[in-house]
Amino acid sequence: MKQLNEGLSVNIKTDRPVTFVARRNFLKSAGMTTIAGAIFLAGCDKDDDPVMAGDNVDLGMGDIGILNYAYALEQLEADFYIRVVDTIFSGATQKEKDMLMAIRDHEIVHREYLRNALGANAIGQLEFNFSAVDFTNRASVLGTARTFEDTGVSAYNGAGTLLKEAANLLMAGKIVSVEARHAAAIRSMLQANSTHFAGDDIINANGLDLSKKPSEVLPAVQSFIKNKLTGSSLPQS
């Protein structure tokens, strides 16, 4: 059993300028600084490690693989929102700008937290394809944001049952709760003063969020990622 990065600190790295003033407060409120030193990857050996060979990325096995799966999704979201804020769509209100900047900052924290927690087991930096997104158009940006946030929530929900270590499950639970807030915020931006923030397309008859396995999520996001993600070694149950 291997413990990763005791006393972990999160360093924000991006190739674009980021005004990040809420990082410390977010980490404190999310409880991540206290669990950062308690990330465990159970039953890990060299065969569990992820592999990046050119454009092909094998996420790995066990908890390493699931955390790399989450890390890949957080890379995607962070890169997307950095671009959104850098080229804010025409007609955006100050409230919308503030909301998107806050979401960007959270996604960067999630990305960097997972990268540091995984350490040497982390996959490398992915490359993205946002050619289908018109970053100057509100509907295109918010429609893509809704897809990413809804997908992220369902992905964490589905991955939770695949994690073996309680500390990793706790971390995932803290992240997905924030992702769900993002999803609700984006949906409210698209349809204000409605029930769209928790629509029946994402909440089932029992009042529960959707849950999707990696085998469902990876194909759904692959068109936005230039690297070929392989999750064939991820746990199935």
C-alpha atoms as a PDB file:
ATOM      1  CA  MET A   1       0.000   0.000   0.000  1.00  0.00           C
ATOM      2  CA  LYS A   2       1.430   3.330  -1.058  1.00  0.00           C
ATOM      3  CA  GLN A   3       0.792   6.755   0.450  1.00  0.00           C
ATOM      4  CA  LEU A   4       1.258   9.738  -1.838  1.00  0.00           C
ATOM      5  CA  ASN A   5       2.548  13.237  -1.196  1.00  0.00           C
ATOM      6  CA  GLU A   6       2.159  13.758   2.502  1.00  0.00           C
ATOM      7  CA  GLY A   7       1.949  17.466   3.237  1.00  0.00           C
ATOM      8  CA  LEU A   8       0.850  18.123  -0.329  1.00  0.00           C
ATOM      9  CA  SER A   9       0.660  21.686  -1.587  1.00  0.00           C
ATOM     10  CA  VAL A  10      -1.114  22.657  -4.781  1.00  0.00           C
ATOM     11  CA  ASN A  11       0.737  24.733  -7.346  1.00  0.00           C
ATOM     12  CA  ILE A  12      -1.268  26.428 -10.067  1.00  0.00           C
ATOM     13  CA  LYS A  13       0.335  26.019 -13.480  1.00  0.00           C
ATOM     14  CA  THR A  14      -1.125  27.330 -16.715  1.00  0.00           C
ATOM     15  CA  ASP A  15       0.236  28.737 -19.943  1.00  0.00           C
ATOM     16  CA  ARG A  16      -2.255  31.576 -19.660  1.00  0.00           C
ATOM     17  CA  PRO A  17      -2.411  34.304 -16.979  1.00  0.00           C
ATOM     18  CA  VAL A  18      -4.802  33.437 -14.170  1.00  0.00           C
ATOM     19  CA  THR A  19      -5.953  35.777 -11.423  1.00  0.00           C
ATOM     20  CA  PHE A  20      -6.487  33.205  -8.714  1.00  0.00           C
ATOM     21  CA  VAL A  21      -7.396  34.744  -5.368  1.00  0.00           C
ATOM     22  CA  ALA A  22      -9.702  32.066  -3.981  1.00  0.00           C
ATOM     23  CA  ARG A  23      -7.409  29.019  -4.093  1.00  0.00           C
ATOM     24  CA  ARG A  24      -6.482  28.931  -0.412  1.00  0.00           C
ATOM     25  CA  ASN A  25     -10.034  29.580   0.730  1.00  0.00           C
ATOM     26  CA  PHE A  26     -11.395  26.949  -1.639  1.00  0.00           C
ATOM     27  CA  LEU A  27      -8.931  24.322  -0.471  1.00  0.00           C
ATOM     28  CA  LYS A  28      -9.711  25.134   3.149  1.00  0.00           C
ATOM     29  CA  SER A  29     -13.480  25.031   2.693  1.00  0.00           C
ATOM     30  CA  ALA A  30     -13.321  21.836   0.656  1.00  0.00           C
ATOM     31  CA  GLY A  31     -11.200  20.159   3.333  1.00  0.00           C
ATOM     32  CA  MET A  32      -8.614  19.193   0.739  1.00  0.00           C
ATOM     33  CA  THR A  33      -5.647  20.434   2.713  1.00  0.00           C
ATOM     34  CA  THR A  34      -6.459  17.955   5.464  1.00  0.00           C
ATOM     35  CA  ILE A  35      -6.953  14.949   3.202  1.00  0.00           C
ATOM     36  CA  ALA A  36      -4.100  15.801   0.846  1.00  0.00           C
ATOM     37  CA  GLY A  37      -1.687  13.846   2.998  1.00  0.00           C
ATOM     38  CA  ALA A  38      -4.022  10.868   3.215  1.00  0.00           C
ATOM     39  CA  ILE A  39      -4.324   9.767  -0.408  1.00  0.00           C
ATOM     40  CA  PHE A  40      -3.791   6.037  -0.680  1.00  0.00           C
ATOM     41  CA  LEU A  41      -3.385   3.908  -3.766  1.00  0.00           C
ATOM     42  CA  ALA A  42      -4.088   0.354  -2.757  1.00  0.00           C
ATOM     43  CA  GLY A  43      -2.265  -2.658  -4.145  1.00  0.00           C
ATOM     44  CA  CYS A  44      -0.171  -0.607  -6.548  1.00  0.00           C
ATOM     45  CA  ASP A  45       2.913  -1.802  -8.352  1.00  0.00           C
ATOM     46  CA  LYS A  46       4.683  -0.885 -11.584  1.00  0.00           C
ATOM     47  CA  ASP A  47       2.135  -2.791 -13.660  1.00  0.00           C
ATOM     48  CA  ASP A  48      -0.593  -0.426 -12.419  1.00  0.00           C
ATOM     49  CA  ASP A  49       1.156   2.671 -13.739  1.00  0.00           C
ATOM     50  CA  PRO A  50      -0.343   4.704 -16.599  1.00  0.00           C
ATOM     51  CA  VAL A  51       1.429   4.692 -19.938  1.00  0.00           C
ATOM     52  CA  MET A  52       1.767   7.550 -22.430  1.00  0.00           C
ATOM     53  CA  ALA A  53       3.109   6.388 -25.783  1.00  0.00           C
ATOM     54  CA  GLY A  54       2.868   9.185 -28.319  1.00  0.00           C
ATOM     55  CA  ASP A  55      -0.777  10.121 -28.719  1.00  0.00           C
ATOM     56  CA  ASN A  56      -2.019   7.040 -26.838  1.00  0.00           C
ATOM     57  CA  VAL A  57      -2.693   7.345 -23.100  1.00  0.00           C
ATOM     58  CA  ASP A  58      -3.392   4.267 -20.965  1.00  0.00           C
ATOM     59  CA  LEU A  59      -4.908   5.556 -17.728  1.00  0.00           C
ATOM     60  CA  GLY A  60      -3.658   2.608 -15.672  1.00  0.00           C
ATOM     61  CA  MET A  61      -5.269   0.216 -13.199  1.00  0.00           C
ATOM     62  CA  GLY A  62      -6.935   0.290  -9.781  1.00  0.00           C
ATOM     63  CA  ASP A  63      -7.204   3.544  -7.859  1.00  0.00           C
ATOM     64  CA  ILE A  64      -4.326   4.986  -9.916  1.00  0.00           C
ATOM     65  CA  GLY A  65      -6.334   4.473 -13.073  1.00  0.00           C
ATOM     66  CA  ILE A  66      -9.521   5.974 -11.641  1.00  0.00           C
ATOM     67  CA  LEU A  67      -7.702   9.029 -10.297  1.00  0.00           C
ATOM     68  CA  ASN A  68      -5.986   9.481 -13.672  1.00  0.00           C
ATOM     69  CA  TYR A  69      -9.403   9.218 -15.300  1.00  0.00           C
ATOM     70  CA  ALA A  70     -10.601  12.053 -13.056  1.00  0.00           C
ATOM     71  CA  TYR A  71      -7.373  13.962 -13.716  1.00  0.00           C
ATOM     72  CA  ALA A  72      -7.923  13.729 -17.484  1.00  0.00           C
ATOM     73  CA  LEU A  73     -11.438  15.146 -17.119  1.00  0.00           C
ATOM     74  CA  GLU A  74     -10.198  17.954 -14.873  1.00  0.00           C
ATOM     75  CA  GLN A  75      -7.474  18.808 -17.395  1.00  0.00           C
ATOM     76  CA  LEU A  76     -10.178  19.086 -20.054  1.00  0.00           C
ATOM     77  CA  GLU A  77     -12.425  21.297 -17.947  1.00  0.00           C
ATOM     78  CA  ALA A  78      -9.622  23.542 -16.702  1.00  0.00           C
ATOM     79  CA  ASP A  79      -8.269  24.131 -20.206  1.00  0.00           C
ATOM     80  CA  PHE A  80     -11.772  24.853 -21.506  1.00  0.00           C
ATOM     81  CA  TYR A  81     -12.594  27.447 -18.845  1.00  0.00           C
ATOM     82  CA  ILE A  82      -9.203  29.131 -19.172  1.00  0.00           C
ATOM     83  CA  ARG A  83     -10.001  29.638 -22.855  1.00  0.00           C
ATOM     84  CA  VAL A  84     -13.531  30.782 -22.019  1.00  0.00           C
ATOM     85  CA  VAL A  85     -12.299  33.486 -19.648  1.00  0.00           C
ATOM     86  CA  ASP A  86      -9.477  34.531 -21.995  1.00  0.00           C
ATOM     87  CA  THR A  87     -11.923  35.056 -24.883  1.00  0.00           C
ATOM     88  CA  ILE A  88     -15.127  35.861 -23.029  1.00  0.00           C
ATOM     89  CA  PHE A  89     -18.146  35.683 -25.306  1.00  0.00           C
ATOM     90  CA  SER A  90     -19.795  38.788 -26.669  1.00  0.00           C
ATOM     91  CA  GLY A  91     -22.388  40.374 -24.421  1.00  0.00           C
ATOM     92  CA  ALA A  92     -21.326  38.568 -21.241  1.00  0.00           C
ATOM     93  CA  THR A  93     -22.531  40.338 -18.116  1.00  0.00           C
ATOM     94  CA  GLN A  94     -20.213  41.017 -15.196  1.00  0.00           C
ATOM     95  CA  LYS A  95     -22.090  38.392 -13.189  1.00  0.00           C
ATOM     96  CA  GLU A  96     -21.477  35.828 -15.924  1.00  0.00           C
ATOM     97  CA  LYS A  97     -17.805  36.769 -16.131  1.00  0.00           C
ATOM     98  CA  ASP A  98     -17.429  36.407 -12.359  1.00  0.00           C
ATOM     99  CA  MET A  99     -19.203  33.046 -12.400  1.00  0.00           C
ATOM    100  CA  LEU A 100     -17.034  31.665 -15.198  1.00  0.00           C
ATOM    101  CA  MET A 101     -13.851  32.932 -13.545  1.00  0.00           C
ATOM    102  CA  ALA A 102     -14.824  31.219 -10.274  1.00  0.00           C
ATOM    103  CA  ILE A 103     -15.529  27.951 -12.100  1.00  0.00           C
ATOM    104  CA  ARG A 104     -12.209  28.237 -13.938  1.00  0.00           C
ATOM    105  CA  ASP A 105     -10.369  28.680 -10.654  1.00  0.00           C
ATOM    106  CA  HIS A 106     -12.061  25.649  -9.106  1.00  0.00           C
ATOM    107  CA  GLU A 107     -11.239  23.466 -12.106  1.00  0.00           C
ATOM    108  CA  ILE A 108      -7.586  24.489 -11.963  1.00  0.00           C
ATOM    109  CA  VAL A 109      -7.504  23.541  -8.278  1.00  0.00           C
ATOM    110  CA  HIS A 110      -9.090  20.155  -9.062  1.00  0.00           C
ATOM    111  CA  ARG A 111      -6.590  19.531 -11.865  1.00  0.00           C
ATOM    112  CA  GLU A 112      -3.544  20.495  -9.837  1.00  0.00           C
ATOM    113  CA  TYR A 113      -4.731  18.684  -6.739  1.00  0.00           C
ATOM    114  CA  LEU A 114      -5.101  15.402  -8.623  1.00  0.00           C
ATOM    115  CA  ARG A 115      -1.806  15.901 -10.442  1.00  0.00           C
ATOM    116  CA  ASN A 116       0.060  16.423  -7.186  1.00  0.00           C
ATOM    117  CA  ALA A 117      -1.782  13.607  -5.428  1.00  0.00           C
ATOM    118  CA  LEU A 118      -0.844  11.163  -8.190  1.00  0.00           C
ATOM    119  CA  GLY A 119       2.756  12.373  -8.338  1.00  0.00           C
ATOM    120  CA  ALA A 120       4.879  10.156 -10.563  1.00  0.00           C
ATOM    121  CA  ASN A 121       1.789   8.047 -11.330  1.00  0.00           C
ATOM    122  CA  ALA A 122       0.036  10.926 -13.121  1.00  0.00           C
ATOM    123  CA  ILE A 123      -0.492  10.880 -16.861  1.00  0.00           C
ATOM    124  CA  GLY A 124       1.131  13.751 -18.731  1.00  0.00           C
ATOM    125  CA  GLN A 125      -0.390  16.938 -20.079  1.00  0.00           C
ATOM    126  CA  LEU A 126      -3.114  16.176 -22.604  1.00  0.00           C
ATOM    127  CA  GLU A 127      -3.820  18.125 -25.782  1.00  0.00           C
ATOM    128  CA  PHE A 128      -7.303  19.352 -26.587  1.00  0.00           C
ATOM    129  CA  ASN A 129      -9.470  20.027 -29.598  1.00  0.00           C
ATOM    130  CA  PHE A 130     -12.076  22.752 -29.146  1.00  0.00           C
ATOM    131  CA  SER A 131     -12.663  23.354 -32.848  1.00  0.00           C
ATOM    132  CA  ALA A 132     -16.373  22.611 -32.342  1.00  0.00           C
ATOM    133  CA  VAL A 133     -16.703  25.462 -29.839  1.00  0.00           C
ATOM    134  CA  ASP A 134     -17.230  29.092 -30.842  1.00  0.00           C
ATOM    135  CA  PHE A 135     -15.735  30.865 -27.851  1.00  0.00           C
ATOM    136  CA  THR A 136     -17.244  34.179 -28.968  1.00  0.00           C
ATOM    137  CA  ASN A 137     -20.774  32.764 -28.859  1.00  0.00           C
ATOM    138  CA  ARG A 138     -22.678  32.515 -25.558  1.00  0.00           C
ATOM    139  CA  ALA A 139     -24.838  29.547 -26.565  1.00  0.00           C
ATOM    140  CA  SER A 140     -21.843  27.568 -27.844  1.00  0.00           C
ATOM    141  CA  VAL A 141     -19.773  28.231 -24.721  1.00  0.00           C
ATOM    142  CA  LEU A 142     -22.507  27.572 -22.177  1.00  0.00           C
ATOM    143  CA  GLY A 143     -23.846  24.571 -24.082  1.00  0.00           C
ATOM    144  CA  THR A 144     -20.368  22.998 -24.037  1.00  0.00           C
ATOM    145  CA  ALA A 145     -19.913  23.943 -20.377  1.00  0.00           C
ATOM    146  CA  ARG A 146     -23.198  22.217 -19.519  1.00  0.00           C
ATOM    147  CA  THR A 147     -22.046  19.078 -21.336  1.00  0.00           C
ATOM    148  CA  PHE A 148     -18.723  19.051 -19.499  1.00  0.00           C
ATOM    149  CA  GLU A 149     -20.241  19.707 -16.067  1.00  0.00           C
ATOM    150  CA  ASP A 150     -23.070  17.186 -16.437  1.00  0.00           C
ATOM    151  CA  THR A 151     -20.588  14.624 -17.753  1.00  0.00           C
ATOM    152  CA  GLY A 152     -18.161  15.338 -14.924  1.00  0.00           C
ATOM    153  CA  VAL A 153     -20.795  14.831 -12.237  1.00  0.00           C
ATOM    154  CA  SER A 154     -21.990  11.547 -13.733  1.00  0.00           C
ATOM    155  CA  ALA A 155     -18.370  10.422 -14.189  1.00  0.00           C
ATOM    156  CA  TYR A 156     -17.449  10.983 -10.534  1.00  0.00           C
ATOM    157  CA  ASN A 157     -20.682   9.302  -9.445  1.00  0.00           C
ATOM    158  CA  GLY A 158     -19.868   6.263 -11.564  1.00  0.00           C
ATOM    159  CA  ALA A 159     -16.215   6.146 -10.516  1.00  0.00           C
ATOM    160  CA  GLY A 160     -16.968   6.294  -6.808  1.00  0.00           C
ATOM    161  CA  THR A 161     -17.931   2.632  -6.601  1.00  0.00           C
ATOM    162  CA  LEU A 162     -14.671   1.695  -8.353  1.00  0.00           C
ATOM    163  CA  LEU A 163     -12.358   3.290  -5.784  1.00  0.00           C
ATOM    164  CA  LYS A 164     -11.011   0.986  -3.108  1.00  0.00           C
ATOM    165  CA  GLU A 165      -9.469   3.396  -0.637  1.00  0.00           C
ATOM    166  CA  ALA A 166     -11.736   5.488   1.581  1.00  0.00           C
ATOM    167  CA  ALA A 167      -9.449   8.547   1.359  1.00  0.00           C
ATOM    168  CA  ASN A 168      -9.717   8.535  -2.421  1.00  0.00           C
ATOM    169  CA  LEU A 169     -13.501   8.204  -2.255  1.00  0.00           C
ATOM    170  CA  LEU A 170     -13.653  11.114   0.204  1.00  0.00           C
ATOM    171  CA  MET A 171     -11.598  13.262  -2.156  1.00  0.00           C
ATOM    172  CA  ALA A 172     -13.798  12.355  -5.127  1.00  0.00           C
ATOM    173  CA  GLY A 173     -16.915  13.159  -3.099  1.00  0.00           C
ATOM    174  CA  LYS A 174     -15.599  16.603  -2.217  1.00  0.00           C
ATOM    175  CA  ILE A 175     -14.795  17.347  -5.863  1.00  0.00           C
ATOM    176  CA  VAL A 176     -18.069  16.061  -7.313  1.00  0.00           C
ATOM    177  CA  SER A 177     -20.104  18.204  -4.931  1.00  0.00           C
ATOM    178  CA  VAL A 178     -18.376  21.277  -6.371  1.00  0.00           C
ATOM    179  CA  GLU A 179     -18.858  20.003  -9.937  1.00  0.00           C
ATOM    180  CA  ALA A 180     -22.584  19.652  -9.234  1.00  0.00           C
ATOM    181  CA  ARG A 181     -22.693  23.295  -8.107  1.00  0.00           C
ATOM    182  CA  HIS A 182     -21.001  24.252 -11.381  1.00  0.00           C
ATOM    183  CA  ALA A 183     -23.539  22.233 -13.367  1.00  0.00           C
ATOM    184  CA  ALA A 184     -26.442  23.936 -11.606  1.00  0.00           C
ATOM    185  CA  ALA A 185     -24.909  27.374 -12.142  1.00  0.00           C
ATOM    186  CA  ILE A 186     -24.321  26.826 -15.867  1.00  0.00           C
ATOM    187  CA  ARG A 187     -27.820  25.419 -16.322  1.00  0.00           C
ATOM    188  CA  SER A 188     -29.286  28.453 -14.549  1.00  0.00           C
ATOM    189  CA  MET A 189     -27.308  30.732 -16.852  1.00  0.00           C
ATOM    190  CA  LEU A 190     -28.856  28.944 -19.818  1.00  0.00           C
ATOM    191  CA  GLN A 191     -32.404  28.940 -18.438  1.00  0.00           C
ATOM    192  CA  ALA A 192     -32.836  31.398 -15.597  1.00  0.00           C
ATOM    193  CA  ASN A 193     -35.745  31.160 -13.161  1.00  0.00           C
ATOM    194  CA  SER A 194     -36.552  27.597 -14.166  1.00  0.00           C
ATOM    195  CA  THR A 195     -36.092  24.039 -12.905  1.00  0.00           C
ATOM    196  CA  HIS A 196     -33.389  23.420 -15.519  1.00  0.00           C
ATOM    197  CA  PHE A 197     -30.697  23.607 -12.808  1.00  0.00           C
ATOM    198  CA  ALA A 198     -31.858  20.133 -11.731  1.00  0.00           C
ATOM    199  CA  GLY A 199     -33.718  18.963 -14.809  1.00  0.00           C
ATOM    200  CA  ASP A 200     -35.144  15.482 -15.214  1.00  0.00           C
ATOM    201  CA  ASP A 201     -32.536  14.855 -17.914  1.00  0.00           C
ATOM    202  CA  ILE A 202     -29.901  14.643 -15.168  1.00  0.00           C
ATOM    203  CA  ILE A 203     -31.949  13.821 -12.039  1.00  0.00           C
ATOM    204  CA  ASN A 204     -33.848  10.536 -12.011  1.00  0.00           C
ATOM    205  CA  ALA A 205     -37.291   9.761 -10.550  1.00  0.00           C
ATOM    206  CA  ASN A 206     -35.675   8.964  -7.193  1.00  0.00           C
ATOM    207  CA  GLY A 207     -34.118  12.410  -7.003  1.00  0.00           C
ATOM    208  CA  LEU A 208     -30.606  11.098  -7.691  1.00  0.00           C
ATOM    209  CA  ASP A 209     -27.972  12.345 -10.105  1.00  0.00           C
ATOM    210  CA  LEU A 210     -26.999  10.246 -13.091  1.00  0.00           C
ATOM    211  CA  SER A 211     -24.081   7.840 -12.751  1.00  0.00           C
ATOM    212  CA  LYS A 212     -21.939   6.726 -15.696  1.00  0.00           C
ATOM    213  CA  LYS A 213     -19.023   4.325 -15.948  1.00  0.00           C
ATOM    214  CA  PRO A 214     -15.716   5.275 -17.604  1.00  0.00           C
ATOM    215  CA  SER A 215     -16.682   3.134 -20.605  1.00  0.00           C
ATOM    216  CA  GLU A 216     -19.592   5.528 -21.194  1.00  0.00           C
ATOM    217  CA  VAL A 217     -17.808   8.778 -20.390  1.00  0.00           C
ATOM    218  CA  LEU A 218     -14.522   8.369 -22.277  1.00  0.00           C
ATOM    219  CA  PRO A 219     -16.150   8.030 -25.730  1.00  0.00           C
ATOM    220  CA  ALA A 220     -18.340  11.061 -24.952  1.00  0.00           C
ATOM    221  CA  VAL A 221     -15.354  13.357 -24.352  1.00  0.00           C
ATOM    222  CA  GLN A 222     -12.850  11.826 -26.759  1.00  0.00           C
ATOM    223  CA  SER A 223     -13.668  14.254 -29.584  1.00  0.00           C
ATOM    224  CA  PHE A 224     -12.382  17.096 -27.396  1.00  0.00           C
ATOM    225  CA  ILE A 225      -9.093  15.320 -26.576  1.00  0.00           C
ATOM    226  CA  LYS A 226      -6.387  14.860 -29.219  1.00  0.00           C
ATOM    227  CA  ASN A 227      -4.725  12.036 -27.284  1.00  0.00           C
ATOM    228  CA  LYS A 228      -6.406   8.642 -27.435  1.00  0.00           C
ATOM    229  CA  LEU A 229      -7.486   7.724 -23.898  1.00  0.00           C
ATOM    230  CA  THR A 230      -7.572   4.031 -23.069  1.00  0.00           C
ATOM    231  CA  GLY A 231      -9.460   2.867 -19.995  1.00  0.00           C
ATOM    232  CA  SER A 232      -9.442  -0.852 -20.763  1.00  0.00           C
ATOM    233  CA  SER A 233      -7.435  -1.585 -17.606  1.00  0.00           C
ATOM    234  CA  LEU A 234      -9.713   0.398 -15.286  1.00  0.00           C
ATOM    235  CA  PRO A 235     -11.681  -1.571 -12.703  1.00  0.00           C
ATOM    236  CA  GLN A 236     -15.191  -2.510 -13.792  1.00  0.00           C
ATOM    237  CA  SER A 237     -16.806  -3.102 -10.419  1.00  0.00           C
END
